[in-house]
Amino acid sequence: MRWVARGIVLAWATCLVPAVLGGPASPPAYWVETIAGANWVGDGGPAIEAVFGIAQALALDPAGFLYVADSHDHRVRRIDLRTGIIDTVAGQGVPGDNGDGILAQRALLKHPYDVAVDFQGGVLVADFGNGLVRRIRPDGYLETIAGGNISDPTAPPARRLELKGPRNVAADRSGALFIAAFLEHRVYRIDPSGQVQVVAGNGRAGFCENEDARKACLNSPAGLALGPDGALYVADTGNHRVARIVNGRISTVFGPNEVALEQPVSVAFDTQGQLYVVDSSLGCVIVKRRDGRAGIFLAGLENPQAVALAPDGTLYLAVGSKVLRYRPGSARVELIAGGGQYGSDADGRLARTAPLYGPMGIGLSEAGELYVAEQAVGRVRVVRPDGTIWTVAKAGQGPLGWEDGSGPRLRDPVAVTVDASGNVWISDYSGNRIWRLDSTGNLSLIGGTGDAGYDVDQNLAARAILNRPRGIAASPRGHLFIADSANHRVRELDPAGVIRRIAGTGTAGYGGDGQSSLVAQLNTPTDVAIDSEGNLYIADSANHCVRKVRSDGLIETVAGTGAAGFSGEGGPAREAQLHSPTGVAVDTQGQLIIADTGNHRVRLVDKAGRIWTIAGDGFAGFTG
């Protein structure tokens, strides 16, 4: 990673601009500024222009808000049906779980599959990927109601429950909630005190006629609805039916003998007591009237997932990445949300409005050009000083990513650096190669055969074997340093084209401080950086530390204890804990900057050896 006086640019294309430095006992202050990439999904604007990953489920509240479980974007969205404005009420767009007791907007979810509004003003969320049922409280904070398999004997039984695939939720007036455990083939009831009861399903997938609901077989239960008769209705997806559960008894109310359902996934009632069923395979909504007659209500839908009904009979549908509305008596279905598109990534547009796909590494030229390795789409782009973004190299289509008959192509770029001559060097992670893009735009294969492994300590680069190369750094003397991550080594490519080992024995481990770097052990080095004195810094990621190879060849630990954690703020960096650091850089003042990835922070080691957090608050997300 290369640094220039313009400031600090991080791998996710965010700029940290130095502000006023504090005194000896205070951390330096920085502002954060985005210079490339757009995280736009439409929040704060018209819902019809917003973007969803997948609109998986819907729920209406009495105040006129429609909640949407945006499963692929790991968010819960909210549409004000009076104004048409959309916002995010939970989740940050990245999968994860960062605990309870925080604002839901700062929390992490993982594939939320359902939402339901309870009678106390909260919003229940089936956090499928995390195996939890969460609740957004009226004050905006998030709490977990069920799941987690925690061992605390004082916790409510619902929290000690191991939920497998909580897909759908529903709540009754008493404060109890119902959970369709899709992967367990069961339906649970959780009472307000946290007590757990199985209300249907014996845990085996299948279909068996048994009036005792707890002994009956379910097959991937999904949508839930409480009927006007007080019964619980379940979309028994794998059994192609809707089941009714009341007083411990189960029966089929909507199935093969009436309408040939294929994949019922959602059920809901209107105020007249009519039952609506969404069948995602048939692409339709089927209604069963109170007189028992059933028929198709809406057809020709592409992968519908959920239905919600307003008191006036207006029907809302989650279909793919869109939300549709059907008004009673209308001749058509109208789009109300999800009509937007993610920003264009076309060349020549302003970088701040262009989405980036998996930005993993950056490099800065002396001319102020920012190069970005977009791993997810296999390309390298440049942000020019005028703020526009352009593609300079991209992956080929051949099985090896480059042997496609039209010249060299990248496969999996993860890191870039720019040397003093303006050449752009690219680390090709799964391609196990090193490439060079010269100032005329020609891309050349410089190092690596494409095979994963290790051969000898010194070899011509074109014959060398690498194993998942990650971060790279170019020295003023024309040497390239490579974090050969899966070989647990750092290697050096000299101007004559010879590659040699300079740190790590090749055996994963942690040891060797005070000795030659050649006898030291590393564990998955992921980045390298060089200071003005010729010292080499290594992000020794799986050892949770940063190592320094001095210009005399000896190695030492300069940050981290070797144990994962977060501690030591303002104290000696060698006594502080890091968590899986993946990036390092050195600024023009000789200060070490660390991407403390597992802690979701950027930290700085000053010239006195003290460590400070300069960006991030410990929570994954995109704010500020």
Foldseek 3Di string as FASTA:
>chain_A
DAFDPQADADLVQKGWAWDDQDDLQDHTATDIGHQFADPAQQAPHAQLAGAAQFQQEWEADPQQKIWTQRQQQQFIKIARNVVRGIHTLAAFRDADADAFDAQRPQGHAHRFRYWYAEPQGWIWTQRFVVQFIWIQDPVRTIDTQAADLDDPPPDAVRDNDHAHGFRYKYYDNQGKMWTQRQQQQWIWIQGPRGHIDTLAACRDADADDDFQRNPGGAHRWAAWEQFPVRWIWIQSFVQQFIWTGDPRTIDTLGGDVADDAHGWHYWYAAPQRKIWTDRQVQQFIKIQHPVGHIDTDGHDAHRWNYWDADNQGWIWTRGTTFIWIDHPPDPDIGTSRRNHDQFDQDFPDARHRHHAAQFAEWEAAPQGKIWTQRQVFAFIWIQHPVRTIDTLAGFDDDPLRQPPPPGGHADGWRYWYAANQGKIWTQRFQQQFIWIQHPVSDIDTQAACSDADADDQKDQRPPGHAHGWAAWYADNQGKIWIQSFQQQFIWIQHPVRMIGTQAACSDADADQAPHARNPGGAHGWHYWEADPQGKIWTQSFQQQFIKIQDPVRGIHTLAACSDADADQASHARNPGGAHRWRYWYAYPQRKIWICSPQQQFIWIQDPVRGIHTHDGDRGDHDDD
